[in-house]
C-alpha atoms as a PDB file:
ATOM      1  CA  MET A   1     -75.546  33.999 102.387  1.00  0.00           C
ATOM      2  CA  SER A   2     -76.861  32.350  99.250  1.00  0.00           C
ATOM      3  CA  LEU A   3     -75.654  28.903  98.202  1.00  0.00           C
ATOM      4  CA  GLU A   4     -73.900  30.389  95.151  1.00  0.00           C
ATOM      5  CA  LEU A   5     -72.121  32.954  97.308  1.00  0.00           C
ATOM      6  CA  GLU A   6     -71.073  30.299  99.818  1.00  0.00           C
ATOM      7  CA  GLU A   7     -69.588  28.213  97.004  1.00  0.00           C
ATOM      8  CA  LEU A   8     -67.694  31.242  95.707  1.00  0.00           C
ATOM      9  CA  TYR A   9     -66.514  31.989  99.258  1.00  0.00           C
ATOM     10  CA  GLN A  10     -65.162  28.449  99.552  1.00  0.00           C
ATOM     11  CA  GLU A  11     -63.473  28.627  96.136  1.00  0.00           C
ATOM     12  CA  VAL A  12     -61.749  31.928  96.921  1.00  0.00           C
ATOM     13  CA  ILE A  13     -60.514  30.688 100.300  1.00  0.00           C
ATOM     14  CA  LEU A  14     -59.236  27.415  98.850  1.00  0.00           C
ATOM     15  CA  ASP A  15     -57.523  29.149  95.930  1.00  0.00           C
ATOM     16  CA  HIS A  16     -55.715  31.658  98.158  1.00  0.00           C
ATOM     17  CA  SER A  17     -54.778  29.059 100.769  1.00  0.00           C
ATOM     18  CA  ARG A  18     -53.365  26.648  98.174  1.00  0.00           C
ATOM     19  CA  ARG A  19     -51.653  29.340  96.094  1.00  0.00           C
ATOM     20  CA  PRO A  20     -51.101  32.323  98.395  1.00  0.00           C
ATOM     21  CA  ARG A  21     -50.143  35.563  96.707  1.00  0.00           C
ATOM     22  CA  ASN A  22     -47.233  37.627  98.052  1.00  0.00           C
ATOM     23  CA  PHE A  23     -45.944  34.572  99.916  1.00  0.00           C
ATOM     24  CA  GLY A  24     -42.243  34.664 100.677  1.00  0.00           C
ATOM     25  CA  ASP A  25     -39.624  36.522 102.657  1.00  0.00           C
ATOM     26  CA  LEU A  26     -39.218  40.259 102.065  1.00  0.00           C
ATOM     27  CA  ALA A  27     -35.444  40.608 102.412  1.00  0.00           C
ATOM     28  CA  ASP A  28     -35.401  44.411 102.690  1.00  0.00           C
ATOM     29  CA  ALA A  29     -38.450  44.761 104.948  1.00  0.00           C
ATOM     30  CA  ALA A  30     -38.409  47.791 107.238  1.00  0.00           C
ATOM     31  CA  VAL A  31     -40.800  46.090 109.657  1.00  0.00           C
ATOM     32  CA  ARG A  32     -41.101  42.409 110.478  1.00  0.00           C
ATOM     33  CA  VAL A  33     -43.939  41.138 112.615  1.00  0.00           C
ATOM     34  CA  HIS A  34     -44.297  37.606 113.916  1.00  0.00           C
ATOM     35  CA  GLY A  35     -47.858  36.736 114.801  1.00  0.00           C
ATOM     36  CA  ASP A  36     -49.448  33.688 116.293  1.00  0.00           C
ATOM     37  CA  ASN A  37     -52.886  32.380 117.092  1.00  0.00           C
ATOM     38  CA  PRO A  38     -52.355  30.111 120.103  1.00  0.00           C
ATOM     39  CA  ALA A  39     -55.925  28.826 119.891  1.00  0.00           C
ATOM     40  CA  CYS A  40     -55.217  26.851 116.720  1.00  0.00           C
ATOM     41  CA  GLY A  41     -51.491  27.120 115.964  1.00  0.00           C
ATOM     42  CA  ASP A  42     -51.604  29.538 113.007  1.00  0.00           C
ATOM     43  CA  GLU A  43     -48.403  31.557 112.559  1.00  0.00           C
ATOM     44  CA  ILE A  44     -47.458  34.401 110.258  1.00  0.00           C
ATOM     45  CA  HIS A  45     -44.270  36.295 109.556  1.00  0.00           C
ATOM     46  CA  LEU A  46     -45.120  39.581 107.858  1.00  0.00           C
ATOM     47  CA  GLY A  47     -42.608  41.849 106.151  1.00  0.00           C
ATOM     48  CA  VAL A  48     -43.462  45.419 105.147  1.00  0.00           C
ATOM     49  CA  LYS A  49     -41.420  47.938 103.204  1.00  0.00           C
ATOM     50  CA  PHE A  50     -42.685  51.503 103.273  1.00  0.00           C
ATOM     51  CA  GLY A  51     -42.292  53.910 100.360  1.00  0.00           C
ATOM     52  CA  PRO A  52     -40.991  57.477 100.554  1.00  0.00           C
ATOM     53  CA  ASP A  53     -44.469  58.798 101.390  1.00  0.00           C
ATOM     54  CA  GLY A  54     -45.125  56.105 104.004  1.00  0.00           C
ATOM     55  CA  GLU A  55     -47.261  53.897 101.763  1.00  0.00           C
ATOM     56  CA  LEU A  56     -47.034  50.114 101.983  1.00  0.00           C
ATOM     57  CA  GLN A  57     -44.711  49.743  99.014  1.00  0.00           C
ATOM     58  CA  GLU A  58     -44.196  46.019  99.447  1.00  0.00           C
ATOM     59  CA  ILE A  59     -45.816  43.483 101.749  1.00  0.00           C
ATOM     60  CA  LYS A  60     -45.178  39.741 101.960  1.00  0.00           C
ATOM     61  CA  PHE A  61     -45.795  36.933 104.395  1.00  0.00           C
ATOM     62  CA  THR A  62     -44.692  33.445 105.272  1.00  0.00           C
ATOM     63  CA  GLY A  63     -46.050  31.069 107.825  1.00  0.00           C
ATOM     64  CA  HIS A  64     -48.449  28.218 108.204  1.00  0.00           C
ATOM     65  CA  GLY A  65     -51.970  27.691 109.361  1.00  0.00           C
ATOM     66  CA  CYS A  66     -55.480  26.863 108.361  1.00  0.00           C
ATOM     67  CA  ALA A  67     -56.991  27.752 105.001  1.00  0.00           C
ATOM     68  CA  ILE A  68     -58.749  30.799 106.459  1.00  0.00           C
ATOM     69  CA  SER A  69     -55.595  32.340 107.957  1.00  0.00           C
ATOM     70  CA  GLN A  70     -53.561  31.756 104.801  1.00  0.00           C
ATOM     71  CA  ALA A  71     -56.301  33.018 102.478  1.00  0.00           C
ATOM     72  CA  SER A  72     -56.877  36.095 104.627  1.00  0.00           C
ATOM     73  CA  ALA A  73     -53.144  36.936 104.560  1.00  0.00           C
ATOM     74  CA  SER A  74     -52.972  36.427 100.804  1.00  0.00           C
ATOM     75  CA  LEU A  75     -56.026  38.580 100.104  1.00  0.00           C
ATOM     76  CA  MET A  76     -54.838  41.236 102.575  1.00  0.00           C
ATOM     77  CA  THR A  77     -51.384  41.622 101.000  1.00  0.00           C
ATOM     78  CA  MET A  78     -52.920  41.992  97.561  1.00  0.00           C
ATOM     79  CA  LYS A  79     -55.328  44.659  98.776  1.00  0.00           C
ATOM     80  CA  LEU A  80     -52.894  46.681 100.917  1.00  0.00           C
ATOM     81  CA  LYS A  81     -49.913  46.858  98.562  1.00  0.00           C
ATOM     82  CA  GLY A  82     -49.451  50.485  97.507  1.00  0.00           C
ATOM     83  CA  LYS A  83     -51.959  51.860 100.018  1.00  0.00           C
ATOM     84  CA  SER A  84     -51.211  54.742 102.370  1.00  0.00           C
ATOM     85  CA  ARG A  85     -51.132  54.085 106.092  1.00  0.00           C
ATOM     86  CA  ALA A  86     -54.497  55.808 106.472  1.00  0.00           C
ATOM     87  CA  GLU A  87     -56.043  53.686 103.698  1.00  0.00           C
ATOM     88  CA  ALA A  88     -54.576  50.523 105.229  1.00  0.00           C
ATOM     89  CA  GLU A  89     -55.924  51.481 108.648  1.00  0.00           C
ATOM     90  CA  GLY A  90     -59.376  52.058 107.135  1.00  0.00           C
ATOM     91  CA  MET A  91     -59.318  48.663 105.448  1.00  0.00           C
ATOM     92  CA  LEU A  92     -58.152  47.013 108.650  1.00  0.00           C
ATOM     93  CA  ARG A  93     -61.120  48.482 110.540  1.00  0.00           C
ATOM     94  CA  ALA A  94     -63.535  47.602 107.732  1.00  0.00           C
ATOM     95  CA  PHE A  95     -62.264  44.019 107.612  1.00  0.00           C
ATOM     96  CA  HIS A  96     -62.451  43.666 111.398  1.00  0.00           C
ATOM     97  CA  ASP A  97     -66.051  44.881 111.322  1.00  0.00           C
ATOM     98  CA  LEU A  98     -66.821  42.583 108.384  1.00  0.00           C
ATOM     99  CA  VAL A  99     -65.803  39.444 110.270  1.00  0.00           C
ATOM    100  CA  THR A 100     -67.065  40.443 113.730  1.00  0.00           C
ATOM    101  CA  ASP A 101     -70.170  42.624 113.354  1.00  0.00           C
ATOM    102  CA  GLU A 102     -73.387  40.908 112.270  1.00  0.00           C
ATOM    103  CA  THR A 103     -74.841  44.227 111.119  1.00  0.00           C
ATOM    104  CA  ALA A 104     -71.789  45.435 109.181  1.00  0.00           C
ATOM    105  CA  GLU A 105     -72.240  46.005 105.488  1.00  0.00           C
ATOM    106  CA  ALA A 106     -69.371  44.710 103.390  1.00  0.00           C
ATOM    107  CA  PRO A 107     -67.783  47.851 101.905  1.00  0.00           C
ATOM    108  CA  ARG A 108     -67.106  47.598  98.182  1.00  0.00           C
ATOM    109  CA  THR A 109     -63.596  48.904  98.808  1.00  0.00           C
ATOM    110  CA  LEU A 110     -62.713  45.538 100.364  1.00  0.00           C
ATOM    111  CA  GLY A 111     -63.191  43.797  97.018  1.00  0.00           C
ATOM    112  CA  ASP A 112     -62.541  40.036  97.233  1.00  0.00           C
ATOM    113  CA  LEU A 113     -61.980  40.363 100.973  1.00  0.00           C
ATOM    114  CA  ARG A 114     -65.772  40.539 101.263  1.00  0.00           C
ATOM    115  CA  MET A 115     -65.742  36.782 100.669  1.00  0.00           C
ATOM    116  CA  MET A 116     -64.374  36.428 104.206  1.00  0.00           C
ATOM    117  CA  GLN A 117     -67.680  37.680 105.638  1.00  0.00           C
ATOM    118  CA  GLY A 118     -68.811  34.093 106.106  1.00  0.00           C
ATOM    119  CA  VAL A 119     -66.162  33.652 108.821  1.00  0.00           C
ATOM    120  CA  ARG A 120     -68.306  35.580 111.299  1.00  0.00           C
ATOM    121  CA  LYS A 121     -70.668  32.597 111.438  1.00  0.00           C
ATOM    122  CA  PHE A 122     -67.847  30.731 113.170  1.00  0.00           C
ATOM    123  CA  PRO A 123     -66.528  32.868 116.065  1.00  0.00           C
ATOM    124  CA  GLN A 124     -63.621  30.503 116.722  1.00  0.00           C
ATOM    125  CA  ARG A 125     -62.391  31.168 113.141  1.00  0.00           C
ATOM    126  CA  VAL A 126     -62.444  34.980 113.403  1.00  0.00           C
ATOM    127  CA  LYS A 127     -59.001  34.933 115.043  1.00  0.00           C
ATOM    128  CA  CYS A 128     -57.724  32.880 112.115  1.00  0.00           C
ATOM    129  CA  ALA A 129     -58.991  35.486 109.659  1.00  0.00           C
ATOM    130  CA  MET A 130     -57.652  38.367 111.778  1.00  0.00           C
ATOM    131  CA  LEU A 131     -54.121  37.047 112.347  1.00  0.00           C
ATOM    132  CA  ALA A 132     -52.516  38.711 109.308  1.00  0.00           C
ATOM    133  CA  TRP A 133     -54.492  41.878 109.978  1.00  0.00           C
ATOM    134  CA  ARG A 134     -53.222  41.985 113.560  1.00  0.00           C
ATOM    135  CA  ALA A 135     -49.684  41.733 112.159  1.00  0.00           C
ATOM    136  CA  VAL A 136     -50.229  44.593 109.722  1.00  0.00           C
ATOM    137  CA  GLU A 137     -51.884  46.561 112.518  1.00  0.00           C
ATOM    138  CA  GLN A 138     -48.596  46.356 114.438  1.00  0.00           C
ATOM    139  CA  ALA A 139     -46.525  47.161 111.347  1.00  0.00           C
ATOM    140  CA  LEU A 140     -48.541  50.363 110.833  1.00  0.00           C
ATOM    141  CA  LEU A 141     -47.669  51.482 114.356  1.00  0.00           C
ATOM    142  CA  GLN A 142     -43.935  51.442 113.691  1.00  0.00           C
ATOM    143  CA  ASN A 143     -41.546  52.538 110.972  1.00  0.00           C
ATOM    144  CA  ALA A 144     -38.850  49.943 111.479  1.00  0.00           C
ATOM    145  CA  GLY A 145     -37.865  46.979 113.576  1.00  0.00           C
ATOM    146  CA  GLU A 146     -39.416  43.727 114.660  1.00  0.00           C
ATOM    147  CA  ALA A 147     -42.402  42.890 116.808  1.00  0.00           C
ATOM    148  CA  ILE A 148     -44.397  39.940 118.074  1.00  0.00           C
ATOM    149  CA  ILE A 149     -48.187  39.924 118.254  1.00  0.00           C
ATOM    150  CA  SER A 150     -50.849  37.464 119.279  1.00  0.00           C
ATOM    151  CA  THR A 151     -54.531  37.121 118.554  1.00  0.00           C
ATOM    152  CA  GLU A 152     -54.943  36.949 122.341  1.00  0.00           C
ATOM    153  CA  THR A 153     -54.164  40.654 122.846  1.00  0.00           C
ATOM    154  CA  ASP A 154     -56.416  43.658 122.326  1.00  0.00           C
ATOM    155  CA  PHE A 155     -56.927  45.276 118.959  1.00  0.00           C
ATOM    156  CA  ALA A 156     -54.575  48.287 119.082  1.00  0.00           C
ATOM    157  CA  VAL A 157     -55.087  50.615 116.096  1.00  0.00           C
ATOM    158  CA  PRO A 158     -56.856  53.708 117.411  1.00  0.00           C
ATOM    159  CA  ARG A 159     -60.114  54.765 115.799  1.00  0.00           C
ATOM    160  CA  HIS A 160     -59.192  57.994 114.052  1.00  0.00           C
ATOM    161  CA  ARG A 161     -58.409  59.100 110.544  1.00  0.00           C
ATOM    162  CA  GLY A 162     -54.763  58.587 109.629  1.00  0.00           C
ATOM    163  CA  LEU A 163     -51.907  57.288 111.688  1.00  0.00           C
ATOM    164  CA  PRO A 164     -49.208  59.443 113.247  1.00  0.00           C
ATOM    165  CA  ASP A 165     -45.838  59.722 111.540  1.00  0.00           C
ATOM    166  CA  SER A 166     -44.212  58.175 114.580  1.00  0.00           C
ATOM    167  CA  PRO A 167     -45.379  55.017 116.268  1.00  0.00           C
ATOM    168  CA  ALA A 168     -47.619  55.112 119.314  1.00  0.00           C
ATOM    169  CA  PRO A 169     -47.333  52.680 122.180  1.00  0.00           C
ATOM    170  CA  ILE A 170     -49.611  49.672 121.778  1.00  0.00           C
ATOM    171  CA  GLY A 171     -52.961  50.257 123.421  1.00  0.00           C
ATOM    172  CA  LYS A 172     -52.494  54.022 123.692  1.00  0.00           C
ATOM    173  CA  ASN A 173     -55.022  56.227 121.969  1.00  0.00           C
ATOM    174  CA  VAL A 174     -53.518  58.637 119.459  1.00  0.00           C
ATOM    175  CA  ALA A 175     -55.391  61.845 118.726  1.00  0.00           C
END
């Protein structure tokens, strides 16, 4: 990563961690997911409201944690608002690959989320970046209710195009 890109990366992360977008409680959320990263103490409370066609109509978060976890949640909510479940699942996979796979190209569809690519240099920080994404992963698997997730459990969204209309059990492959 060039020096200029690293500086931009730092600016984006600091801006979103200091002034997170879509931060606050979503009173009429259909799904609420509490997530934690026991390794460093990051916590997130994610609220999602689905539209009539199943799209992520509204998405907000509260919580506390390091700059990376807060910035990742802020950037994620901005990017996923209005997206279909299938689009959100695709972005989740792309983001996961971005921060974990040294050979992964940063897809243009991720937009500003590509700035998080630098996290993969610091494996202990990947869980910080993935916390909000793990919460949305769980939200996509259900239509209503509450759930608890942890960065210490396996990544659950199956690798296929589109999610089922009804939730699948965590860890089960959906075809």
